[in-house]
Amino acid sequence: MSNKTDRKRSIIVGLFVLVGLVILVAGILVLGTQQNRFSKNIQITTYFRDVKGLKVGNNVWFSGVKVGIVKQIAFDGVSNVRVVMNIEEKSVEYIRKDVQASLGSDGLIGNAIINLEGGTAAAPAITEGDQIGSKATGGVEAMLHTLQDNNENLLQITKNFATLSENLVEGKGSVGALLADESIANSLKATLASMQGAMAGVDRSMKNVEVLTKKLNTEQGLIHDLTTDTAVFASLRASAAQLQGVTQTANALMANLDQVTTRLNEKDNAVGVLTNDAQAAEEIKQILQNLNQGTAKLDENMEALQSNFLFRGFFKRRAKEQEKARQDSIKNINR
């Protein structure tokens, strides 16, 4: 009886030990797989100024696929942190040397991870011991920092709005004065009324323009003929050309008159002397008086000659000839 009990107990203990060994082996296999213990890896290095809580064993992702883990984190100077990563060999051919590492998080508040981003097809694949670049990333801390900045900006905006509201209530500034000062409001109302009147005038003007346009579109009136009848337009063009010619002639005439006037104002010609030289005019008057006197004396001498018996016969014959010529002309007219 005791032998059966001992054997049964041994079997149960053996089963528990076997189950424990299976669980242990499974855990080792799982952890080894997660830690890339059973796959071939290469090591690459990058540097960060701040690893933001990154730990050894955290995952390395590339294009959303886990390709390795963080192998080592150590300081390399005052402001640099060296991070060594184990990358699976099977993923090496897809990761290029110009890839860049950035810090991220597994979910909103998950573990810190490294994301490998970028890389061009022209660059070769990474190899053992390569050093890749890194870049600053946002992450949760950056997001929180941005939210903090936004909160501060919102607080400042709220303060400014409170100050603005206070100034408006106290009537400060143009808008405040407009809200608080009744005279400004009345002036604004008057201005709006004036603008309304001006707009009414503009409306009337537009209506008049519309009426004028309708009249222009009818087949009556001189304006319609000017815009549609080519004959009328040609006649007006000819009249304009003639008027232009008359204008040119008038301009030439005025130029000639101006030239004549200029000549009349000068003393180097007879008319200029008559109109401008008083002494010459006086002399001409004296000459005319002398001529009149000489003519009168000549008449007296001719009368004296007619009375003289020596010339009496000559003047009688001449008188008869003149009378005969007059009679002949009368006869010719009567015929």
C-alpha atoms as a PDB file:
ATOM      1  CA  MET A   1       0.000   0.000   0.000  1.00  0.00           C
ATOM      2  CA  SER A   2       2.762   2.405   0.868  1.00  0.00           C
ATOM      3  CA  ASN A   3       4.671   1.355  -2.260  1.00  0.00           C
ATOM      4  CA  LYS A   4       1.718   2.301  -4.429  1.00  0.00           C
ATOM      5  CA  THR A   5       1.364   5.593  -2.652  1.00  0.00           C
ATOM      6  CA  ASP A   6       5.078   6.369  -3.076  1.00  0.00           C
ATOM      7  CA  ARG A   7       4.955   5.401  -6.738  1.00  0.00           C
ATOM      8  CA  LYS A   8       1.927   7.552  -7.327  1.00  0.00           C
ATOM      9  CA  ARG A   9       3.548  10.457  -5.539  1.00  0.00           C
ATOM     10  CA  SER A  10       6.712   9.999  -7.612  1.00  0.00           C
ATOM     11  CA  ILE A  11       4.683  10.013 -10.803  1.00  0.00           C
ATOM     12  CA  ILE A  12       2.920  13.245  -9.795  1.00  0.00           C
ATOM     13  CA  VAL A  13       6.201  14.884  -8.831  1.00  0.00           C
ATOM     14  CA  GLY A  14       7.729  13.727 -12.090  1.00  0.00           C
ATOM     15  CA  LEU A  15       4.824  15.172 -14.037  1.00  0.00           C
ATOM     16  CA  PHE A  16       5.169  18.493 -12.237  1.00  0.00           C
ATOM     17  CA  VAL A  17       8.904  18.506 -12.900  1.00  0.00           C
ATOM     18  CA  LEU A  18       8.290  17.653 -16.556  1.00  0.00           C
ATOM     19  CA  VAL A  19       5.713  20.428 -16.917  1.00  0.00           C
ATOM     20  CA  GLY A  20       8.108  22.823 -15.220  1.00  0.00           C
ATOM     21  CA  LEU A  21      10.890  21.815 -17.553  1.00  0.00           C
ATOM     22  CA  VAL A  22       8.598  22.294 -20.577  1.00  0.00           C
ATOM     23  CA  ILE A  23       7.560  25.731 -19.324  1.00  0.00           C
ATOM     24  CA  LEU A  24      11.183  26.609 -18.664  1.00  0.00           C
ATOM     25  CA  VAL A  25      12.281  25.520 -22.134  1.00  0.00           C
ATOM     26  CA  ALA A  26       9.344  27.357 -23.732  1.00  0.00           C
ATOM     27  CA  GLY A  27      10.182  30.510 -21.792  1.00  0.00           C
ATOM     28  CA  ILE A  28      13.808  30.246 -22.800  1.00  0.00           C
ATOM     29  CA  LEU A  29      12.800  29.758 -26.424  1.00  0.00           C
ATOM     30  CA  VAL A  30      10.372  32.698 -26.315  1.00  0.00           C
ATOM     31  CA  LEU A  31      12.799  35.020 -24.574  1.00  0.00           C
ATOM     32  CA  GLY A  32      15.607  33.888 -26.820  1.00  0.00           C
ATOM     33  CA  THR A  33      13.508  34.563 -29.864  1.00  0.00           C
ATOM     34  CA  GLN A  34      12.520  38.002 -28.577  1.00  0.00           C
ATOM     35  CA  GLN A  35      16.127  38.766 -27.741  1.00  0.00           C
ATOM     36  CA  ASN A  36      17.381  37.372 -31.061  1.00  0.00           C
ATOM     37  CA  ARG A  37      19.484  34.827 -29.196  1.00  0.00           C
ATOM     38  CA  PHE A  38      18.947  32.093 -31.752  1.00  0.00           C
ATOM     39  CA  SER A  39      19.402  34.108 -34.962  1.00  0.00           C
ATOM     40  CA  LYS A  40      22.463  35.539 -36.651  1.00  0.00           C
ATOM     41  CA  ASN A  41      22.874  39.256 -35.974  1.00  0.00           C
ATOM     42  CA  ILE A  42      25.120  42.161 -36.864  1.00  0.00           C
ATOM     43  CA  GLN A  43      25.814  45.111 -34.626  1.00  0.00           C
ATOM     44  CA  ILE A  44      25.430  48.751 -35.679  1.00  0.00           C
ATOM     45  CA  THR A  45      25.858  51.893 -33.601  1.00  0.00           C
ATOM     46  CA  THR A  46      24.166  55.280 -33.355  1.00  0.00           C
ATOM     47  CA  TYR A  47      24.345  58.248 -30.989  1.00  0.00           C
ATOM     48  CA  PHE A  48      21.650  60.281 -29.235  1.00  0.00           C
ATOM     49  CA  ARG A  49      21.786  63.315 -26.992  1.00  0.00           C
ATOM     50  CA  ASP A  50      18.927  61.918 -24.908  1.00  0.00           C
ATOM     51  CA  VAL A  51      17.641  58.329 -25.090  1.00  0.00           C
ATOM     52  CA  LYS A  52      14.374  59.253 -23.281  1.00  0.00           C
ATOM     53  CA  GLY A  53      14.106  56.091 -21.152  1.00  0.00           C
ATOM     54  CA  LEU A  54      15.430  53.628 -23.716  1.00  0.00           C
ATOM     55  CA  LYS A  55      16.607  50.341 -22.124  1.00  0.00           C
ATOM     56  CA  VAL A  56      18.711  47.368 -23.186  1.00  0.00           C
ATOM     57  CA  GLY A  57      16.456  44.782 -24.815  1.00  0.00           C
ATOM     58  CA  ASN A  58      13.994  47.290 -26.257  1.00  0.00           C
ATOM     59  CA  ASN A  59      12.970  46.668 -29.826  1.00  0.00           C
ATOM     60  CA  VAL A  60      14.345  48.163 -33.055  1.00  0.00           C
ATOM     61  CA  TRP A  61      11.798  48.663 -35.837  1.00  0.00           C
ATOM     62  CA  PHE A  62      12.155  49.324 -39.553  1.00  0.00           C
ATOM     63  CA  SER A  63       9.111  50.189 -41.676  1.00  0.00           C
ATOM     64  CA  GLY A  64       6.861  48.795 -38.953  1.00  0.00           C
ATOM     65  CA  VAL A  65       8.731  45.467 -38.724  1.00  0.00           C
ATOM     66  CA  LYS A  66      10.826  44.399 -35.770  1.00  0.00           C
ATOM     67  CA  VAL A  67      14.390  43.865 -37.056  1.00  0.00           C
ATOM     68  CA  GLY A  68      16.442  43.807 -33.843  1.00  0.00           C
ATOM     69  CA  ILE A  69      16.943  44.839 -30.231  1.00  0.00           C
ATOM     70  CA  VAL A  70      18.995  47.332 -28.248  1.00  0.00           C
ATOM     71  CA  LYS A  71      22.188  45.537 -27.197  1.00  0.00           C
ATOM     72  CA  GLN A  72      24.037  48.197 -25.223  1.00  0.00           C
ATOM     73  CA  ILE A  73      23.555  51.778 -23.963  1.00  0.00           C
ATOM     74  CA  ALA A  74      26.572  53.714 -22.709  1.00  0.00           C
ATOM     75  CA  PHE A  75      27.788  57.326 -22.380  1.00  0.00           C
ATOM     76  CA  ASP A  76      30.288  58.481 -24.970  1.00  0.00           C
ATOM     77  CA  GLY A  77      31.194  61.962 -23.806  1.00  0.00           C
ATOM     78  CA  VAL A  78      29.207  64.595 -21.943  1.00  0.00           C
ATOM     79  CA  SER A  79      26.387  65.072 -24.458  1.00  0.00           C
ATOM     80  CA  ASN A  80      26.379  61.801 -26.428  1.00  0.00           C
ATOM     81  CA  VAL A  81      24.849  58.433 -25.576  1.00  0.00           C
ATOM     82  CA  ARG A  82      26.081  55.491 -27.651  1.00  0.00           C
ATOM     83  CA  VAL A  83      23.466  52.893 -28.521  1.00  0.00           C
ATOM     84  CA  VAL A  84      24.509  49.504 -29.933  1.00  0.00           C
ATOM     85  CA  MET A  85      21.824  47.502 -31.758  1.00  0.00           C
ATOM     86  CA  ASN A  86      21.641  43.855 -32.835  1.00  0.00           C
ATOM     87  CA  ILE A  87      20.061  43.635 -36.301  1.00  0.00           C
ATOM     88  CA  GLU A  88      18.905  40.337 -37.777  1.00  0.00           C
ATOM     89  CA  GLU A  89      20.915  39.240 -40.800  1.00  0.00           C
ATOM     90  CA  LYS A  90      17.780  38.381 -42.734  1.00  0.00           C
ATOM     91  CA  SER A  91      16.705  42.073 -42.566  1.00  0.00           C
ATOM     92  CA  VAL A  92      20.138  43.567 -43.331  1.00  0.00           C
ATOM     93  CA  GLU A  93      19.675  43.616 -47.104  1.00  0.00           C
ATOM     94  CA  TYR A  94      16.701  45.992 -46.765  1.00  0.00           C
ATOM     95  CA  ILE A  95      18.374  48.488 -44.438  1.00  0.00           C
ATOM     96  CA  ARG A  96      20.713  50.988 -46.126  1.00  0.00           C
ATOM     97  CA  LYS A  97      23.707  52.836 -44.751  1.00  0.00           C
ATOM     98  CA  ASP A  98      21.966  56.223 -45.054  1.00  0.00           C
ATOM     99  CA  VAL A  99      19.131  55.112 -42.779  1.00  0.00           C
ATOM    100  CA  GLN A 100      18.521  57.284 -39.693  1.00  0.00           C
ATOM    101  CA  ALA A 101      17.571  56.221 -36.171  1.00  0.00           C
ATOM    102  CA  SER A 102      14.958  58.012 -34.116  1.00  0.00           C
ATOM    103  CA  LEU A 103      13.421  57.403 -30.739  1.00  0.00           C
ATOM    104  CA  GLY A 104       9.781  56.462 -30.452  1.00  0.00           C
ATOM    105  CA  SER A 105       7.380  54.684 -28.153  1.00  0.00           C
ATOM    106  CA  ASP A 106       5.420  51.454 -28.387  1.00  0.00           C
ATOM    107  CA  GLY A 107       1.973  53.025 -28.213  1.00  0.00           C
ATOM    108  CA  LEU A 108       1.068  56.266 -26.473  1.00  0.00           C
ATOM    109  CA  ILE A 109       2.742  55.440 -23.124  1.00  0.00           C
ATOM    110  CA  GLY A 110       4.555  52.195 -24.035  1.00  0.00           C
ATOM    111  CA  ASN A 111       8.219  51.254 -23.894  1.00  0.00           C
ATOM    112  CA  ALA A 112      10.764  53.341 -25.732  1.00  0.00           C
ATOM    113  CA  ILE A 113      11.866  51.888 -29.068  1.00  0.00           C
ATOM    114  CA  ILE A 114      14.200  52.828 -31.921  1.00  0.00           C
ATOM    115  CA  ASN A 115      12.750  53.430 -35.377  1.00  0.00           C
ATOM    116  CA  LEU A 116      14.980  53.133 -38.434  1.00  0.00           C
ATOM    117  CA  GLU A 117      13.706  55.541 -41.089  1.00  0.00           C
ATOM    118  CA  GLY A 118      14.643  56.474 -44.637  1.00  0.00           C
ATOM    119  CA  GLY A 119      17.401  55.025 -46.733  1.00  0.00           C
ATOM    120  CA  THR A 120      17.799  55.087 -50.514  1.00  0.00           C
ATOM    121  CA  ALA A 121      18.142  52.216 -52.943  1.00  0.00           C
ATOM    122  CA  ALA A 122      21.372  53.702 -54.290  1.00  0.00           C
ATOM    123  CA  ALA A 123      23.123  53.309 -50.917  1.00  0.00           C
ATOM    124  CA  PRO A 124      24.643  49.925 -49.963  1.00  0.00           C
ATOM    125  CA  ALA A 125      23.203  47.734 -47.195  1.00  0.00           C
ATOM    126  CA  ILE A 126      24.486  48.073 -43.642  1.00  0.00           C
ATOM    127  CA  THR A 127      27.329  45.854 -42.491  1.00  0.00           C
ATOM    128  CA  GLU A 128      28.864  44.778 -39.188  1.00  0.00           C
ATOM    129  CA  GLY A 129      30.090  47.730 -37.112  1.00  0.00           C
ATOM    130  CA  ASP A 130      28.446  50.492 -39.188  1.00  0.00           C
ATOM    131  CA  GLN A 131      27.527  53.773 -37.548  1.00  0.00           C
ATOM    132  CA  ILE A 132      24.238  55.286 -38.724  1.00  0.00           C
ATOM    133  CA  GLY A 133      22.890  58.776 -38.208  1.00  0.00           C
ATOM    134  CA  SER A 134      20.191  59.819 -35.804  1.00  0.00           C
ATOM    135  CA  LYS A 135      17.612  62.565 -35.695  1.00  0.00           C
ATOM    136  CA  ALA A 136      15.511  64.206 -33.034  1.00  0.00           C
ATOM    137  CA  THR A 137      11.959  62.980 -32.756  1.00  0.00           C
ATOM    138  CA  GLY A 138       8.809  64.147 -31.099  1.00  0.00           C
ATOM    139  CA  GLY A 139       7.610  61.357 -28.909  1.00  0.00           C
ATOM    140  CA  VAL A 140       5.299  61.713 -25.949  1.00  0.00           C
ATOM    141  CA  GLU A 141       7.569  64.189 -24.180  1.00  0.00           C
ATOM    142  CA  ALA A 142       7.674  66.466 -27.206  1.00  0.00           C
ATOM    143  CA  MET A 143       3.909  66.182 -27.532  1.00  0.00           C
ATOM    144  CA  LEU A 144       3.475  67.097 -23.889  1.00  0.00           C
ATOM    145  CA  HIS A 145       5.900  69.978 -24.324  1.00  0.00           C
ATOM    146  CA  THR A 146       3.877  71.183 -27.321  1.00  0.00           C
ATOM    147  CA  LEU A 147       0.695  70.907 -25.281  1.00  0.00           C
ATOM    148  CA  GLN A 148       2.343  72.934 -22.533  1.00  0.00           C
ATOM    149  CA  ASP A 149       3.335  75.615 -25.033  1.00  0.00           C
ATOM    150  CA  ASN A 150      -0.199  75.634 -26.384  1.00  0.00           C
ATOM    151  CA  ASN A 151      -1.583  75.997 -22.889  1.00  0.00           C
ATOM    152  CA  GLU A 152       0.723  78.942 -22.237  1.00  0.00           C
ATOM    153  CA  ASN A 153      -0.297  80.554 -25.520  1.00  0.00           C
ATOM    154  CA  LEU A 154      -3.965  79.995 -24.686  1.00  0.00           C
ATOM    155  CA  LEU A 155      -3.407  81.584 -21.275  1.00  0.00           C
ATOM    156  CA  GLN A 156      -1.749  84.603 -22.906  1.00  0.00           C
ATOM    157  CA  ILE A 157      -4.602  84.889 -25.417  1.00  0.00           C
ATOM    158  CA  THR A 158      -7.114  84.760 -22.559  1.00  0.00           C
ATOM    159  CA  LYS A 159      -5.247  87.535 -20.730  1.00  0.00           C
ATOM    160  CA  ASN A 160      -5.124  89.651 -23.870  1.00  0.00           C
ATOM    161  CA  PHE A 161      -8.827  89.120 -24.454  1.00  0.00           C
ATOM    162  CA  ALA A 162      -9.578  90.118 -20.864  1.00  0.00           C
ATOM    163  CA  THR A 163      -7.491  93.292 -21.305  1.00  0.00           C
ATOM    164  CA  LEU A 164      -9.230  94.032 -24.604  1.00  0.00           C
ATOM    165  CA  SER A 165     -12.661  93.546 -23.050  1.00  0.00           C
ATOM    166  CA  GLU A 166     -11.742  95.843 -20.189  1.00  0.00           C
ATOM    167  CA  ASN A 167     -10.554  98.549 -22.602  1.00  0.00           C
ATOM    168  CA  LEU A 168     -13.764  98.213 -24.624  1.00  0.00           C
ATOM    169  CA  VAL A 169     -15.881  98.606 -21.499  1.00  0.00           C
ATOM    170  CA  GLU A 170     -13.860 101.665 -20.398  1.00  0.00           C
ATOM    171  CA  GLY A 171     -14.159 103.216 -23.884  1.00  0.00           C
ATOM    172  CA  LYS A 172     -10.455 103.102 -24.676  1.00  0.00           C
ATOM    173  CA  GLY A 173      -9.276 102.920 -28.262  1.00  0.00           C
ATOM    174  CA  SER A 174     -11.243 103.500 -31.458  1.00  0.00           C
ATOM    175  CA  VAL A 175     -13.611 100.553 -30.980  1.00  0.00           C
ATOM    176  CA  GLY A 176     -14.121 101.366 -27.315  1.00  0.00           C
ATOM    177  CA  ALA A 177     -14.840 104.996 -28.129  1.00  0.00           C
ATOM    178  CA  LEU A 178     -17.272 103.864 -30.809  1.00  0.00           C
ATOM    179  CA  LEU A 179     -19.100 101.728 -28.271  1.00  0.00           C
ATOM    180  CA  ALA A 180     -19.034 104.254 -25.425  1.00  0.00           C
ATOM    181  CA  ASP A 181     -19.140 107.715 -27.068  1.00  0.00           C
ATOM    182  CA  GLU A 182     -22.629 108.570 -28.304  1.00  0.00           C
ATOM    183  CA  SER A 183     -21.390 111.472 -30.458  1.00  0.00           C
ATOM    184  CA  ILE A 184     -19.134 109.166 -32.448  1.00  0.00           C
ATOM    185  CA  ALA A 185     -22.037 106.778 -32.913  1.00  0.00           C
ATOM    186  CA  ASN A 186     -24.231 109.654 -34.152  1.00  0.00           C
ATOM    187  CA  SER A 187     -21.454 110.789 -36.484  1.00  0.00           C
ATOM    188  CA  LEU A 188     -21.155 107.254 -37.810  1.00  0.00           C
ATOM    189  CA  LYS A 189     -24.898 107.135 -38.353  1.00  0.00           C
ATOM    190  CA  ALA A 190     -24.739 110.449 -40.251  1.00  0.00           C
ATOM    191  CA  THR A 191     -21.882 109.116 -42.338  1.00  0.00           C
ATOM    192  CA  LEU A 192     -23.841 105.982 -43.122  1.00  0.00           C
ATOM    193  CA  ALA A 193     -26.849 108.132 -44.086  1.00  0.00           C
ATOM    194  CA  SER A 194     -24.644 110.210 -46.397  1.00  0.00           C
ATOM    195  CA  MET A 195     -23.223 107.079 -47.914  1.00  0.00           C
ATOM    196  CA  GLN A 196     -26.750 105.776 -48.416  1.00  0.00           C
ATOM    197  CA  GLY A 197     -27.672 109.009 -50.203  1.00  0.00           C
ATOM    198  CA  ALA A 198     -24.560 108.771 -52.343  1.00  0.00           C
ATOM    199  CA  MET A 199     -25.427 105.185 -53.212  1.00  0.00           C
ATOM    200  CA  ALA A 200     -28.926 106.321 -54.160  1.00  0.00           C
ATOM    201  CA  GLY A 201     -27.344 108.915 -56.472  1.00  0.00           C
ATOM    202  CA  VAL A 202     -25.144 106.256 -57.970  1.00  0.00           C
ATOM    203  CA  ASP A 203     -28.209 104.075 -58.472  1.00  0.00           C
ATOM    204  CA  ARG A 204     -29.975 106.908 -60.301  1.00  0.00           C
ATOM    205  CA  SER A 205     -26.895 107.479 -62.434  1.00  0.00           C
ATOM    206  CA  MET A 206     -26.781 103.815 -63.336  1.00  0.00           C
ATOM    207  CA  LYS A 207     -30.446 103.916 -64.301  1.00  0.00           C
ATOM    208  CA  ASN A 208     -29.762 106.965 -66.511  1.00  0.00           C
ATOM    209  CA  VAL A 209     -26.848 105.125 -68.088  1.00  0.00           C
ATOM    210  CA  GLU A 210     -29.146 102.171 -68.698  1.00  0.00           C
ATOM    211  CA  VAL A 211     -31.733 104.442 -70.366  1.00  0.00           C
ATOM    212  CA  LEU A 212     -29.001 106.037 -72.486  1.00  0.00           C
ATOM    213  CA  THR A 213     -27.732 102.605 -73.474  1.00  0.00           C
ATOM    214  CA  LYS A 214     -31.221 101.582 -74.533  1.00  0.00           C
ATOM    215  CA  LYS A 215     -31.501 104.734 -76.640  1.00  0.00           C
ATOM    216  CA  LEU A 216     -28.150 103.978 -78.231  1.00  0.00           C
ATOM    217  CA  ASN A 217     -29.397 100.502 -79.104  1.00  0.00           C
ATOM    218  CA  THR A 218     -32.442 101.916 -80.922  1.00  0.00           C
ATOM    219  CA  GLU A 219     -32.268 102.812 -84.635  1.00  0.00           C
ATOM    220  CA  GLN A 220     -32.923 106.491 -84.078  1.00  0.00           C
ATOM    221  CA  GLY A 221     -30.833 109.504 -83.287  1.00  0.00           C
ATOM    222  CA  LEU A 222     -27.510 110.896 -84.388  1.00  0.00           C
ATOM    223  CA  ILE A 223     -25.479 108.770 -82.005  1.00  0.00           C
ATOM    224  CA  HIS A 224     -26.944 105.573 -83.484  1.00  0.00           C
ATOM    225  CA  ASP A 225     -26.114 106.850 -86.977  1.00  0.00           C
ATOM    226  CA  LEU A 226     -22.600 107.689 -85.881  1.00  0.00           C
ATOM    227  CA  THR A 227     -22.056 104.221 -84.438  1.00  0.00           C
ATOM    228  CA  THR A 228     -23.748 102.175 -87.198  1.00  0.00           C
ATOM    229  CA  ASP A 229     -24.056 104.220 -90.443  1.00  0.00           C
ATOM    230  CA  THR A 230     -20.743 104.186 -92.277  1.00  0.00           C
ATOM    231  CA  ALA A 231     -21.885 106.865 -94.716  1.00  0.00           C
ATOM    232  CA  VAL A 232     -22.588 109.334 -91.922  1.00  0.00           C
ATOM    233  CA  PHE A 233     -19.283 108.484 -90.323  1.00  0.00           C
ATOM    234  CA  ALA A 234     -17.466 108.953 -93.629  1.00  0.00           C
ATOM    235  CA  SER A 235     -19.201 112.309 -94.137  1.00  0.00           C
ATOM    236  CA  LEU A 236     -18.192 113.422 -90.675  1.00  0.00           C
ATOM    237  CA  ARG A 237     -14.647 112.263 -91.339  1.00  0.00           C
ATOM    238  CA  ALA A 238     -14.580 114.303 -94.591  1.00  0.00           C
ATOM    239  CA  SER A 239     -16.023 117.325 -92.783  1.00  0.00           C
ATOM    240  CA  ALA A 240     -13.423 116.928 -90.078  1.00  0.00           C
ATOM    241  CA  ALA A 241     -10.697 116.755 -92.731  1.00  0.00           C
ATOM    242  CA  GLN A 242     -12.050 119.920 -94.401  1.00  0.00           C
ATOM    243  CA  LEU A 243     -12.284 121.636 -91.050  1.00  0.00           C
ATOM    244  CA  GLN A 244      -8.713 120.642 -90.374  1.00  0.00           C
ATOM    245  CA  GLY A 245      -7.693 122.120 -93.744  1.00  0.00           C
ATOM    246  CA  VAL A 246      -9.576 125.346 -92.963  1.00  0.00           C
ATOM    247  CA  THR A 247      -7.896 125.429 -89.591  1.00  0.00           C
ATOM    248  CA  GLN A 248      -4.487 125.033 -91.209  1.00  0.00           C
ATOM    249  CA  THR A 249      -5.336 127.816 -93.709  1.00  0.00           C
ATOM    250  CA  ALA A 250      -6.494 130.045 -90.857  1.00  0.00           C
ATOM    251  CA  ASN A 251      -3.289 129.295 -88.991  1.00  0.00           C
ATOM    252  CA  ALA A 252      -1.254 130.213 -92.073  1.00  0.00           C
ATOM    253  CA  LEU A 253      -3.332 133.399 -92.492  1.00  0.00           C
ATOM    254  CA  MET A 254      -2.795 134.347 -88.882  1.00  0.00           C
ATOM    255  CA  ALA A 255       0.913 133.692 -89.295  1.00  0.00           C
ATOM    256  CA  ASN A 256       0.953 135.973 -92.373  1.00  0.00           C
ATOM    257  CA  LEU A 257      -1.030 138.638 -90.520  1.00  0.00           C
ATOM    258  CA  ASP A 258       1.374 138.363 -87.652  1.00  0.00           C
ATOM    259  CA  GLN A 259       4.258 138.779 -90.082  1.00  0.00           C
ATOM    260  CA  VAL A 260       2.553 141.772 -91.764  1.00  0.00           C
ATOM    261  CA  THR A 261       1.853 143.306 -88.358  1.00  0.00           C
ATOM    262  CA  THR A 262       5.459 142.839 -87.466  1.00  0.00           C
ATOM    263  CA  ARG A 263       6.488 144.525 -90.723  1.00  0.00           C
ATOM    264  CA  LEU A 264       4.060 147.380 -90.059  1.00  0.00           C
ATOM    265  CA  ASN A 265       5.665 147.917 -86.683  1.00  0.00           C
ATOM    266  CA  GLU A 266       9.087 148.258 -88.292  1.00  0.00           C
ATOM    267  CA  LYS A 267      10.439 151.481 -89.916  1.00  0.00           C
ATOM    268  CA  ASP A 268      12.306 149.912 -92.845  1.00  0.00           C
ATOM    269  CA  ASN A 269       9.289 150.091 -95.240  1.00  0.00           C
ATOM    270  CA  ALA A 270       6.928 152.787 -96.489  1.00  0.00           C
ATOM    271  CA  VAL A 271       3.832 151.641 -94.629  1.00  0.00           C
ATOM    272  CA  GLY A 272       5.841 151.156 -91.444  1.00  0.00           C
ATOM    273  CA  VAL A 273       7.218 154.646 -91.811  1.00  0.00           C
ATOM    274  CA  LEU A 274       3.687 156.044 -92.359  1.00  0.00           C
ATOM    275  CA  THR A 275       2.324 154.261 -89.294  1.00  0.00           C
ATOM    276  CA  ASN A 276       5.261 154.598 -86.908  1.00  0.00           C
ATOM    277  CA  ASP A 277       7.397 157.629 -87.949  1.00  0.00           C
ATOM    278  CA  ALA A 278       5.592 160.847 -86.998  1.00  0.00           C
ATOM    279  CA  GLN A 279       8.204 163.052 -88.677  1.00  0.00           C
ATOM    280  CA  ALA A 280       7.912 161.172 -91.971  1.00  0.00           C
ATOM    281  CA  ALA A 281       4.127 161.436 -91.791  1.00  0.00           C
ATOM    282  CA  GLU A 282       4.409 165.154 -91.232  1.00  0.00           C
ATOM    283  CA  GLU A 283       6.715 165.466 -94.221  1.00  0.00           C
ATOM    284  CA  ILE A 284       4.308 163.497 -96.420  1.00  0.00           C
ATOM    285  CA  LYS A 285       1.496 165.787 -95.283  1.00  0.00           C
ATOM    286  CA  GLN A 286       3.595 168.784 -96.264  1.00  0.00           C
ATOM    287  CA  ILE A 287       4.358 167.215 -99.663  1.00  0.00           C
ATOM    288  CA  LEU A 288       0.637 166.591-100.240  1.00  0.00           C
ATOM    289  CA  GLN A 289      -0.137 170.185 -99.343  1.00  0.00           C
ATOM    290  CA  ASN A 290       2.510 171.370-101.765  1.00  0.00           C
ATOM    291  CA  LEU A 291       1.044 169.097-104.479  1.00  0.00           C
ATOM    292  CA  ASN A 292      -2.417 170.499-103.846  1.00  0.00           C
ATOM    293  CA  GLN A 293      -1.074 173.995-104.074  1.00  0.00           C
ATOM    294  CA  GLY A 294       0.830 173.130-107.271  1.00  0.00           C
ATOM    295  CA  THR A 295      -2.295 171.581-108.794  1.00  0.00           C
ATOM    296  CA  ALA A 296      -4.307 174.670-108.016  1.00  0.00           C
ATOM    297  CA  LYS A 297      -1.670 176.881-109.620  1.00  0.00           C
ATOM    298  CA  LEU A 298      -1.532 174.544-112.625  1.00  0.00           C
ATOM    299  CA  ASP A 299      -5.301 174.887-113.043  1.00  0.00           C
ATOM    300  CA  GLU A 300      -4.941 178.654-112.936  1.00  0.00           C
ATOM    301  CA  ASN A 301      -2.177 178.501-115.534  1.00  0.00           C
ATOM    302  CA  MET A 302      -4.287 176.287-117.799  1.00  0.00           C
ATOM    303  CA  GLU A 303      -7.195 178.709-117.584  1.00  0.00           C
ATOM    304  CA  ALA A 304      -4.770 181.495-118.388  1.00  0.00           C
ATOM    305  CA  LEU A 305      -3.511 179.557-121.411  1.00  0.00           C
ATOM    306  CA  GLN A 306      -7.066 178.978-122.629  1.00  0.00           C
ATOM    307  CA  SER A 307      -7.692 182.725-122.474  1.00  0.00           C
ATOM    308  CA  ASN A 308      -4.500 183.413-124.401  1.00  0.00           C
ATOM    309  CA  PHE A 309      -5.124 184.043-128.128  1.00  0.00           C
ATOM    310  CA  LEU A 310      -2.126 181.964-129.081  1.00  0.00           C
ATOM    311  CA  PHE A 311      -3.596 178.747-127.613  1.00  0.00           C
ATOM    312  CA  ARG A 312      -7.311 179.536-128.067  1.00  0.00           C
ATOM    313  CA  GLY A 313      -7.591 177.787-131.447  1.00  0.00           C
ATOM    314  CA  PHE A 314      -5.904 174.609-130.036  1.00  0.00           C
ATOM    315  CA  PHE A 315      -8.311 174.330-127.156  1.00  0.00           C
ATOM    316  CA  LYS A 316     -11.336 174.937-129.464  1.00  0.00           C
ATOM    317  CA  ARG A 317     -10.260 172.158-131.831  1.00  0.00           C
ATOM    318  CA  ARG A 318      -9.718 169.835-128.902  1.00  0.00           C
ATOM    319  CA  ALA A 319     -13.175 170.635-127.526  1.00  0.00           C
ATOM    320  CA  LYS A 320     -14.752 169.892-130.934  1.00  0.00           C
ATOM    321  CA  GLU A 321     -12.966 166.562-131.156  1.00  0.00           C
ATOM    322  CA  GLN A 322     -14.114 165.563-127.700  1.00  0.00           C
ATOM    323  CA  GLU A 323     -17.714 166.532-128.568  1.00  0.00           C
ATOM    324  CA  LYS A 324     -17.589 164.526-131.803  1.00  0.00           C
ATOM    325  CA  ALA A 325     -16.220 161.473-129.966  1.00  0.00           C
ATOM    326  CA  ARG A 326     -19.057 161.739-127.431  1.00  0.00           C
ATOM    327  CA  GLN A 327     -21.704 161.972-130.178  1.00  0.00           C
ATOM    328  CA  ASP A 328     -20.225 158.920-131.930  1.00  0.00           C
ATOM    329  CA  SER A 329     -20.354 156.886-128.710  1.00  0.00           C
ATOM    330  CA  ILE A 330     -24.025 157.857-128.211  1.00  0.00           C
ATOM    331  CA  LYS A 331     -24.861 156.703-131.709  1.00  0.00           C
ATOM    332  CA  ASN A 332     -23.137 153.392-131.192  1.00  0.00           C
ATOM    333  CA  ILE A 333     -25.101 152.834-127.989  1.00  0.00           C
ATOM    334  CA  ASN A 334     -28.439 153.572-129.732  1.00  0.00           C
ATOM    335  CA  ARG A 335     -27.677 151.054-132.450  1.00  0.00           C
END
